[in-house]
Amino acid sequence: MKSRIYKPKTIKEAIAELETFLQSDMWSKFKDEKIKGEIYKRDDKFNNEEDMIKYLKNHFDILRKQIKRLRWTYTK
């Protein structure tokens, strides 16, 4: 699955997008989901705390890059 690259216009928007993404994505990495009577299992579940920390670090690194790009854009 290919991820879309999100290009926020403000730092506030970048943070809100990350928060929305994490709220919708993380829960199913801990627990199987039941949707319309069917159980959906993810192949990329967290196996341990280290996996979860790597996942969060990766997404916060993306946020840092977005903020850095926004700051650079506004200082031109």
C-alpha atoms as a PDB file:
ATOM      1  CA  MET A   1       0.000   0.000   0.000  1.00  0.00           C
ATOM      2  CA  LYS A   2       1.373   3.379  -0.965  1.00  0.00           C
ATOM      3  CA  SER A   3       1.049   6.258   1.467  1.00  0.00           C
ATOM      4  CA  ARG A   4      -0.019   9.654   0.287  1.00  0.00           C
ATOM      5  CA  ILE A   5       2.322  12.530   0.948  1.00  0.00           C
ATOM      6  CA  TYR A   6       0.482  15.222   2.838  1.00  0.00           C
ATOM      7  CA  LYS A   7       1.672  18.803   2.403  1.00  0.00           C
ATOM      8  CA  PRO A   8       0.128  20.976   5.116  1.00  0.00           C
ATOM      9  CA  LYS A   9      -0.116  24.731   4.712  1.00  0.00           C
ATOM     10  CA  THR A  10       0.448  25.551   8.401  1.00  0.00           C
ATOM     11  CA  ILE A  11       2.161  23.994  11.401  1.00  0.00           C
ATOM     12  CA  LYS A  12      -1.195  23.769  13.175  1.00  0.00           C
ATOM     13  CA  GLU A  13      -2.622  21.869  10.192  1.00  0.00           C
ATOM     14  CA  ALA A  14       0.368  19.478  10.166  1.00  0.00           C
ATOM     15  CA  ILE A  15      -0.123  18.669  13.849  1.00  0.00           C
ATOM     16  CA  ALA A  16      -3.886  18.198  13.441  1.00  0.00           C
ATOM     17  CA  GLU A  17      -3.355  15.844  10.474  1.00  0.00           C
ATOM     18  CA  LEU A  18      -0.879  13.733  12.461  1.00  0.00           C
ATOM     19  CA  GLU A  19      -3.259  13.560  15.412  1.00  0.00           C
ATOM     20  CA  THR A  20      -6.146  12.464  13.162  1.00  0.00           C
ATOM     21  CA  PHE A  21      -3.978   9.862  11.448  1.00  0.00           C
ATOM     22  CA  LEU A  22      -2.679   8.380  14.702  1.00  0.00           C
ATOM     23  CA  GLN A  23      -6.157   8.214  16.230  1.00  0.00           C
ATOM     24  CA  SER A  24      -7.505   6.302  13.263  1.00  0.00           C
ATOM     25  CA  ASP A  25      -4.494   4.050  12.631  1.00  0.00           C
ATOM     26  CA  MET A  26      -3.007   3.113  15.991  1.00  0.00           C
ATOM     27  CA  TRP A  27      -5.955   1.384  17.647  1.00  0.00           C
ATOM     28  CA  SER A  28      -6.095  -1.332  14.997  1.00  0.00           C
ATOM     29  CA  LYS A  29      -2.355  -1.945  15.429  1.00  0.00           C
ATOM     30  CA  PHE A  30      -3.129  -3.115  18.974  1.00  0.00           C
ATOM     31  CA  LYS A  31      -6.357  -4.966  18.481  1.00  0.00           C
ATOM     32  CA  ASP A  32      -8.304  -6.698  15.695  1.00  0.00           C
ATOM     33  CA  GLU A  33     -11.310  -4.735  14.475  1.00  0.00           C
ATOM     34  CA  LYS A  34     -14.809  -6.029  13.940  1.00  0.00           C
ATOM     35  CA  ILE A  35     -16.546  -4.252  11.064  1.00  0.00           C
ATOM     36  CA  LYS A  36     -20.002  -5.306   9.878  1.00  0.00           C
ATOM     37  CA  GLY A  37     -19.653  -8.647  11.631  1.00  0.00           C
ATOM     38  CA  GLU A  38     -16.256  -9.482  10.109  1.00  0.00           C
ATOM     39  CA  ILE A  39     -12.979  -9.448  12.001  1.00  0.00           C
ATOM     40  CA  TYR A  40     -10.148  -7.604  10.302  1.00  0.00           C
ATOM     41  CA  LYS A  41      -6.592  -8.425  11.337  1.00  0.00           C
ATOM     42  CA  ARG A  42      -3.623  -6.290  10.410  1.00  0.00           C
ATOM     43  CA  ASP A  43      -0.368  -7.839   9.280  1.00  0.00           C
ATOM     44  CA  ASP A  44       1.583  -4.927  10.755  1.00  0.00           C
ATOM     45  CA  LYS A  45       0.436  -5.109  14.388  1.00  0.00           C
ATOM     46  CA  PHE A  46       2.741  -4.012  17.170  1.00  0.00           C
ATOM     47  CA  ASN A  47       4.588  -7.011  18.562  1.00  0.00           C
ATOM     48  CA  ASN A  48       6.070  -5.095  21.481  1.00  0.00           C
ATOM     49  CA  GLU A  49       6.685  -1.647  22.922  1.00  0.00           C
ATOM     50  CA  GLU A  50       9.775  -1.161  20.763  1.00  0.00           C
ATOM     51  CA  ASP A  51       7.693  -1.556  17.574  1.00  0.00           C
ATOM     52  CA  MET A  52       5.228   1.056  18.808  1.00  0.00           C
ATOM     53  CA  ILE A  53       8.006   3.507  19.691  1.00  0.00           C
ATOM     54  CA  LYS A  54       9.595   3.060  16.232  1.00  0.00           C
ATOM     55  CA  TYR A  55       6.207   3.669  14.622  1.00  0.00           C
ATOM     56  CA  LEU A  56       5.657   6.880  16.599  1.00  0.00           C
ATOM     57  CA  LYS A  57       9.209   8.097  16.000  1.00  0.00           C
ATOM     58  CA  ASN A  58       8.797   7.584  12.271  1.00  0.00           C
ATOM     59  CA  HIS A  59       5.581   9.616  12.177  1.00  0.00           C
ATOM     60  CA  PHE A  60       6.974  12.407  14.346  1.00  0.00           C
ATOM     61  CA  ASP A  61      10.043  12.537  12.065  1.00  0.00           C
ATOM     62  CA  ILE A  62       7.630  13.137   9.174  1.00  0.00           C
ATOM     63  CA  LEU A  63       5.979  15.938  11.176  1.00  0.00           C
ATOM     64  CA  ARG A  64       9.378  17.510  11.915  1.00  0.00           C
ATOM     65  CA  LYS A  65      10.215  17.498   8.191  1.00  0.00           C
ATOM     66  CA  GLN A  66       6.862  19.101   7.365  1.00  0.00           C
ATOM     67  CA  ILE A  67       7.425  21.835   9.956  1.00  0.00           C
ATOM     68  CA  LYS A  68      10.992  22.413   8.742  1.00  0.00           C
ATOM     69  CA  ARG A  69       9.710  22.739   5.153  1.00  0.00           C
ATOM     70  CA  LEU A  70       6.968  25.153   6.287  1.00  0.00           C
ATOM     71  CA  ARG A  71       9.426  27.306   8.208  1.00  0.00           C
ATOM     72  CA  TRP A  72      11.768  27.396   5.227  1.00  0.00           C
ATOM     73  CA  THR A  73       8.857  28.365   2.943  1.00  0.00           C
ATOM     74  CA  TYR A  74       7.827  31.244   5.225  1.00  0.00           C
ATOM     75  CA  THR A  75      11.351  32.629   5.583  1.00  0.00           C
ATOM     76  CA  LYS A  76      11.979  33.001   1.837  1.00  0.00           C
END
